Amino acid sequence: MEKRKYGNTDMQVSVLGFGGSEIGSGVSQSEVDQLLHSAMDAGLNIIDTAECYGDSEELIGNALADRRDDYYLFSKCGHAAGFDAPDWDRNMLEQSIDRSLRRLQTDHLDMIHLHSCSEEVLRRGEVIEVLQRAKQQGKTRYIGYSGDSADALYAIETGVFDSLETSVNIADQEAISLTIPRARERGMGITAKRPIANAAWTREQVEPQDYAFVYWNRLRDLNYTFLQNDDVQNSIKQALRFTLSIPGVDTMIVGTTKPNRWSENAALIADGVLSKEEFDHIRQRWFATAESEWVGQI
């Protein structure tokens, strides 16, 4: 699988990475073992999770502790999941990072991201200081920001982060102009989250409370040519390759509970980036259709 240099870091990352949110609830350890080992055997070397993804960190630690040198490990912090403290509290953050290390059965992370932290909280400085101290202490090699829109832009402009993890896909293109170019100028690595827009177009109906509802609505309006038939595999292929084609994107985080999905996805992107004509078609539809409130989705 193709690998790309992750910004100014020393990491050469696979263009597909594993997103740990979907395994956080209702998935057994044996299933996760099979899932993660199949992902790595398919060439993935990025594992991305968070402190608030249920059992995700613990399951990953149990599955991959003996292969720690084979992958880059990213997690996120900020939410007081399981702690009697408010989100973004300094002491809670420090405890959360230590807990992530224990759960993941490692003495260091390769990247710790602030998890959708607001500009207001960033401006106070305490959360940044916690991450910088964790880096100084060897608990993480690099520090990053995970989020979107104006909050992400402010995080980039602080100049302290090594990485930006942001939503970008065929239904979510604000970052292509607003944040990704500036992050790249700063030498930050770029991780695309939700790179296939939750495959929302493959569902006949989505309820308003569903995570994919915003994308489902947008895609009905965008009505891309490659979504106008029943070839689901081809549409997912085009969506993945679009995100892969965005200048600055280094890796795409995909979540799944299906072990064979990784070899399938690797095959889907084997042709590499889209042609200029294909890429421009998607961008032009976005410019012609997107409304002002179509901002990046957290």
Protein backbone atom coordinates (compact mmCIF):
# COMPACT_ATOMS: atom_id res chain seq x y z
CA MET A 1 0.00 0.00 0.00
CA GLU A 2 1.22 3.51 -0.83
CA LYS A 3 2.85 5.42 2.01
CA ARG A 4 3.22 9.17 2.38
CA LYS A 5 5.45 11.30 4.59
CA TYR A 6 3.34 12.71 7.42
CA GLY A 7 4.09 16.42 7.32
CA ASN A 8 7.37 17.32 8.99
CA THR A 9 7.36 14.23 11.21
CA ASP A 10 9.55 11.18 10.62
CA MET A 11 6.52 8.98 9.96
CA GLN A 12 5.83 7.31 6.60
CA VAL A 13 2.12 6.52 6.89
CA SER A 14 -0.10 4.22 4.86
CA VAL A 15 -2.75 6.11 2.90
CA LEU A 16 -5.40 4.01 4.65
CA GLY A 17 -5.58 3.93 8.43
CA PHE A 18 -7.77 2.17 10.95
CA GLY A 19 -10.37 4.25 12.82
CA GLY A 20 -11.23 2.82 16.23
CA SER A 21 -14.63 4.36 16.94
CA GLU A 22 -16.79 1.52 15.58
CA ILE A 23 -15.15 -1.19 17.68
CA GLY A 24 -15.80 0.66 20.94
CA SER A 25 -19.12 -1.00 21.67
CA GLY A 26 -20.46 -4.51 21.16
CA VAL A 27 -17.42 -6.02 19.42
CA SER A 28 -15.59 -8.93 21.04
CA GLN A 29 -11.85 -9.13 21.62
CA SER A 30 -11.52 -12.04 19.20
CA GLU A 31 -13.28 -10.04 16.50
CA VAL A 32 -11.00 -7.05 17.12
CA ASP A 33 -7.93 -9.29 17.03
CA GLN A 34 -8.93 -10.57 13.61
CA LEU A 35 -9.91 -7.10 12.40
CA LEU A 36 -6.70 -5.35 13.41
CA HIS A 37 -4.32 -8.06 12.29
CA SER A 38 -6.06 -8.25 8.92
CA ALA A 39 -5.75 -4.46 8.62
CA MET A 40 -2.03 -4.55 9.29
CA ASP A 41 -1.53 -7.54 7.03
CA ALA A 42 -3.21 -5.48 4.27
CA GLY A 43 -0.49 -2.83 4.70
CA LEU A 44 -2.06 -0.36 7.13
CA ASN A 45 0.30 1.17 9.67
CA ILE A 46 -1.92 3.82 11.31
CA ILE A 47 -4.22 3.01 14.24
CA ASP A 48 -6.37 5.94 15.37
CA THR A 49 -8.63 5.92 18.43
CA ALA A 50 -9.78 8.12 21.33
CA GLU A 51 -10.39 8.10 25.05
CA CYS A 52 -14.15 8.34 24.56
CA TYR A 53 -14.60 5.48 22.09
CA GLY A 54 -15.89 3.02 24.66
CA ASP A 55 -13.62 -0.03 24.94
CA SER A 56 -11.65 0.84 21.80
CA GLU A 57 -8.31 1.68 23.42
CA GLU A 58 -8.34 -1.41 25.63
CA LEU A 59 -9.30 -3.71 22.76
CA ILE A 60 -6.54 -2.29 20.57
CA GLY A 61 -3.99 -2.67 23.35
CA ASN A 62 -4.92 -6.29 23.91
CA ALA A 63 -4.79 -7.05 20.20
CA LEU A 64 -1.59 -5.31 19.18
CA ALA A 65 0.69 -4.90 22.19
CA ASP A 66 3.09 -7.48 20.76
CA ARG A 67 3.25 -5.68 17.38
CA ARG A 68 3.87 -2.16 18.70
CA ASP A 69 6.81 -1.54 16.37
CA ASP A 70 4.68 -2.32 13.32
CA TYR A 71 2.33 0.66 13.45
CA TYR A 72 1.88 4.30 14.43
CA LEU A 73 -0.55 4.79 17.29
CA PHE A 74 -2.75 7.90 17.44
CA SER A 75 -5.28 8.72 20.16
CA LYS A 76 -7.30 11.74 21.22
CA CYS A 77 -8.03 13.41 24.53
CA GLY A 78 -10.22 16.12 26.00
CA HIS A 79 -13.53 14.57 26.97
CA ALA A 80 -14.00 13.48 30.57
CA ALA A 81 -15.09 9.97 29.65
CA GLY A 82 -15.20 8.10 32.96
CA PHE A 83 -13.71 10.93 35.01
CA ASP A 84 -15.53 13.05 37.58
CA ALA A 85 -14.32 16.31 36.05
CA PRO A 86 -15.33 18.72 33.29
CA ASP A 87 -14.10 18.33 29.73
CA TRP A 88 -10.73 20.01 29.09
CA ASP A 89 -9.80 20.14 32.79
CA ARG A 90 -5.99 20.19 33.09
CA ASN A 91 -5.70 17.43 35.70
CA MET A 92 -8.26 15.27 33.94
CA LEU A 93 -6.36 15.58 30.66
CA GLU A 94 -3.15 14.41 32.27
CA GLN A 95 -4.93 11.46 33.87
CA SER A 96 -6.67 10.66 30.58
CA ILE A 97 -3.38 10.48 28.66
CA ASP A 98 -1.90 8.17 31.31
CA ARG A 99 -5.02 6.00 31.16
CA SER A 100 -4.77 5.80 27.37
CA LEU A 101 -1.20 4.54 27.67
CA ARG A 102 -2.28 1.86 30.14
CA ARG A 103 -5.22 0.79 28.03
CA LEU A 104 -3.14 0.68 24.86
CA GLN A 105 -0.36 -1.20 26.68
CA THR A 106 2.39 1.13 25.51
CA ASP A 107 4.80 3.61 27.04
CA HIS A 108 4.21 6.20 24.33
CA LEU A 109 1.82 7.35 21.62
CA ASP A 110 3.04 8.50 18.25
CA MET A 111 0.40 11.26 18.21
CA ILE A 112 -2.06 12.64 20.73
CA HIS A 113 -4.77 14.93 19.31
CA LEU A 114 -6.97 17.36 21.15
CA HIS A 115 -10.45 16.06 20.37
CA SER A 116 -12.59 18.79 18.74
CA CYS A 117 -11.45 21.47 21.14
CA SER A 118 -13.03 24.92 20.73
CA GLU A 119 -11.08 28.07 19.93
CA GLU A 120 -12.22 29.48 23.28
CA VAL A 121 -10.59 26.60 25.19
CA LEU A 122 -7.47 26.69 23.01
CA ARG A 123 -7.01 30.40 23.72
CA ARG A 124 -6.78 29.71 27.46
CA GLY A 125 -3.64 27.70 26.73
CA GLU A 126 -3.89 25.04 29.44
CA VAL A 127 -4.79 22.16 27.11
CA ILE A 128 -1.86 22.96 24.85
CA GLU A 129 0.48 23.05 27.85
CA VAL A 130 -0.71 19.59 28.93
CA LEU A 131 0.09 18.13 25.50
CA GLN A 132 3.45 19.87 25.32
CA ARG A 133 4.35 18.51 28.74
CA ALA A 134 3.29 14.99 27.69
CA LYS A 135 5.62 15.32 24.70
CA GLN A 136 8.49 16.50 26.89
CA GLN A 137 7.90 13.53 29.19
CA GLY A 138 8.05 11.07 26.29
CA LYS A 139 4.40 10.05 26.56
CA THR A 140 3.81 11.10 22.97
CA ARG A 141 6.19 11.78 20.11
CA TYR A 142 3.99 14.41 18.48
CA ILE A 143 0.93 16.50 19.32
CA GLY A 144 -2.01 17.35 17.09
CA TYR A 145 -5.46 18.88 16.76
CA SER A 146 -8.55 17.00 15.62
CA GLY A 147 -11.45 19.21 14.52
CA ASP A 148 -12.93 21.42 11.87
CA SER A 149 -13.81 24.90 10.63
CA ALA A 150 -12.77 28.07 12.50
CA ASP A 151 -11.65 26.13 15.59
CA ALA A 152 -9.26 24.08 13.47
CA LEU A 153 -7.98 27.17 11.69
CA TYR A 154 -7.13 28.79 15.02
CA ALA A 155 -5.37 25.62 16.17
CA ILE A 156 -3.28 25.63 12.98
CA GLU A 157 -2.32 29.28 13.42
CA THR A 158 -0.96 28.65 16.92
CA GLY A 159 1.94 26.90 15.22
CA VAL A 160 2.32 24.36 18.05
CA PHE A 161 0.72 21.28 16.48
CA ASP A 162 2.33 18.61 14.31
CA SER A 163 -0.90 17.18 12.92
CA LEU A 164 -4.40 18.09 11.77
CA GLU A 165 -7.14 15.47 11.74
CA THR A 166 -10.22 16.84 10.00
CA SER A 167 -13.42 15.81 8.22
CA VAL A 168 -13.07 15.93 4.45
CA ASN A 169 -14.85 13.93 1.75
CA ILE A 170 -17.25 14.25 -1.18
CA ALA A 171 -19.92 15.75 1.14
CA ASP A 172 -17.63 17.80 3.36
CA GLN A 173 -15.18 20.01 1.48
CA GLU A 174 -14.76 23.14 3.60
CA ALA A 175 -11.33 22.00 4.80
CA ILE A 176 -9.94 21.78 1.26
CA SER A 177 -9.79 25.56 1.08
CA LEU A 178 -10.04 26.72 4.70
CA THR A 179 -7.60 24.65 6.72
CA ILE A 180 -5.66 22.00 4.82
CA PRO A 181 -3.52 24.39 2.73
CA ARG A 182 -2.58 26.43 5.79
CA ALA A 183 -1.83 23.30 7.81
CA ARG A 184 0.43 22.05 5.04
CA GLU A 185 2.24 25.41 4.95
CA ARG A 186 2.89 24.89 8.65
CA GLY A 187 4.38 21.47 7.95
CA MET A 188 1.56 19.58 9.65
CA GLY A 189 0.61 16.02 8.74
CA ILE A 190 -2.99 15.72 7.52
CA THR A 191 -5.37 12.92 8.46
CA ALA A 192 -8.75 12.79 6.71
CA LYS A 193 -11.49 11.46 8.97
CA ARG A 194 -14.86 10.31 7.57
CA PRO A 195 -13.27 9.97 4.10
CA ILE A 196 -16.27 8.22 2.54
CA ALA A 197 -18.89 10.42 4.23
CA ASN A 198 -20.16 7.45 6.25
CA ALA A 199 -21.23 5.93 2.89
CA ALA A 200 -24.48 7.79 3.57
CA TRP A 201 -25.66 7.54 -0.05
CA THR A 202 -25.91 3.75 0.21
CA ARG A 203 -28.83 4.03 2.65
CA GLU A 204 -32.40 4.54 1.51
CA GLN A 205 -33.37 6.48 4.61
CA VAL A 206 -31.46 8.11 7.47
CA GLU A 207 -33.11 9.41 10.62
CA PRO A 208 -32.36 13.00 11.71
CA GLN A 209 -30.59 11.82 14.86
CA ASP A 210 -28.29 9.52 12.88
CA TYR A 211 -24.61 10.45 12.60
CA ALA A 212 -24.82 10.27 8.79
CA PHE A 213 -27.94 12.42 8.38
CA VAL A 214 -26.14 15.65 7.43
CA TYR A 215 -24.14 13.89 4.73
CA TRP A 216 -27.17 11.99 3.47
CA ASN A 217 -29.00 15.27 2.93
CA ARG A 218 -26.07 16.99 1.29
CA LEU A 219 -25.45 14.12 -1.11
CA ARG A 220 -29.04 14.13 -2.32
CA ASP A 221 -28.46 17.74 -3.41
CA LEU A 222 -24.97 17.16 -4.78
CA ASN A 223 -26.20 14.19 -6.87
CA TYR A 224 -22.80 13.27 -8.26
CA THR A 225 -22.84 11.31 -11.49
CA PHE A 226 -21.02 8.33 -9.95
CA LEU A 227 -23.75 8.02 -7.29
CA GLN A 228 -26.55 7.74 -9.84
CA ASN A 229 -26.43 3.97 -10.24
CA ASP A 230 -26.47 0.85 -8.09
CA ASP A 231 -22.74 0.12 -8.31
CA VAL A 232 -21.94 0.64 -4.63
CA GLN A 233 -18.35 -0.60 -4.88
CA ASN A 234 -17.57 1.85 -7.67
CA SER A 235 -19.14 4.75 -5.77
CA ILE A 236 -17.11 3.95 -2.65
CA LYS A 237 -14.02 3.66 -4.84
CA GLN A 238 -14.62 7.13 -6.30
CA ALA A 239 -15.30 8.62 -2.88
CA LEU A 240 -12.12 7.15 -1.38
CA ARG A 241 -10.01 8.19 -4.34
CA PHE A 242 -11.41 11.73 -4.17
CA THR A 243 -10.26 12.11 -0.58
CA LEU A 244 -6.92 10.54 -1.48
CA SER A 245 -6.60 13.12 -4.29
CA ILE A 246 -6.98 16.18 -2.07
CA PRO A 247 -3.67 18.06 -2.01
CA GLY A 248 -2.12 17.75 1.43
CA VAL A 249 -3.95 14.65 2.67
CA ASP A 250 -1.51 12.02 3.93
CA THR A 251 -3.79 9.30 5.31
CA MET A 252 -7.49 8.46 5.50
CA ILE A 253 -9.00 6.92 8.63
CA VAL A 254 -11.73 4.35 7.93
CA GLY A 255 -13.68 2.55 10.64
CA THR A 256 -15.24 -0.88 10.20
CA THR A 257 -15.99 -4.11 12.02
CA LYS A 258 -15.49 -6.30 8.93
CA PRO A 259 -12.03 -7.91 8.65
CA ASN A 260 -12.13 -8.31 4.86
CA ARG A 261 -12.89 -4.62 4.38
CA TRP A 262 -9.20 -3.67 4.47
CA SER A 263 -8.09 -5.76 1.54
CA GLU A 264 -11.21 -4.55 -0.33
CA ASN A 265 -10.43 -0.90 0.38
CA ALA A 266 -6.78 -1.38 -0.56
CA ALA A 267 -7.93 -2.75 -3.91
CA LEU A 268 -10.34 0.17 -4.40
CA ILE A 269 -7.54 2.74 -4.15
CA ALA A 270 -5.00 0.73 -6.13
CA ASP A 271 -5.54 3.06 -9.12
CA GLY A 272 -4.35 6.00 -7.03
CA VAL A 273 -5.69 9.53 -7.27
CA LEU A 274 -8.52 10.61 -9.54
CA SER A 275 -7.87 12.18 -12.90
CA LYS A 276 -8.00 15.97 -12.94
CA GLU A 277 -11.32 15.77 -14.81
CA GLU A 278 -12.90 13.47 -12.20
CA PHE A 279 -11.59 15.54 -9.29
CA ASP A 280 -12.71 18.83 -10.83
CA HIS A 281 -16.20 17.43 -11.48
CA ILE A 282 -16.68 16.75 -7.78
CA ARG A 283 -15.26 20.13 -6.78
CA GLN A 284 -17.42 21.99 -9.29
CA ARG A 285 -20.56 20.27 -8.07
CA TRP A 286 -19.63 21.33 -4.55
CA PHE A 287 -19.07 24.96 -5.53
CA ALA A 288 -22.36 25.02 -7.45
CA THR A 289 -24.42 23.34 -4.72
CA ALA A 290 -22.92 23.81 -1.24
CA GLU A 291 -24.74 26.18 1.07
CA SER A 292 -23.03 28.51 3.52
CA GLU A 293 -23.92 26.31 6.49
CA TRP A 294 -22.23 23.25 4.98
CA VAL A 295 -19.28 23.46 7.35
CA GLY A 296 -17.00 20.66 8.49
CA GLN A 297 -18.73 17.99 10.56
CA ILE A 298 -17.29 17.20 13.98
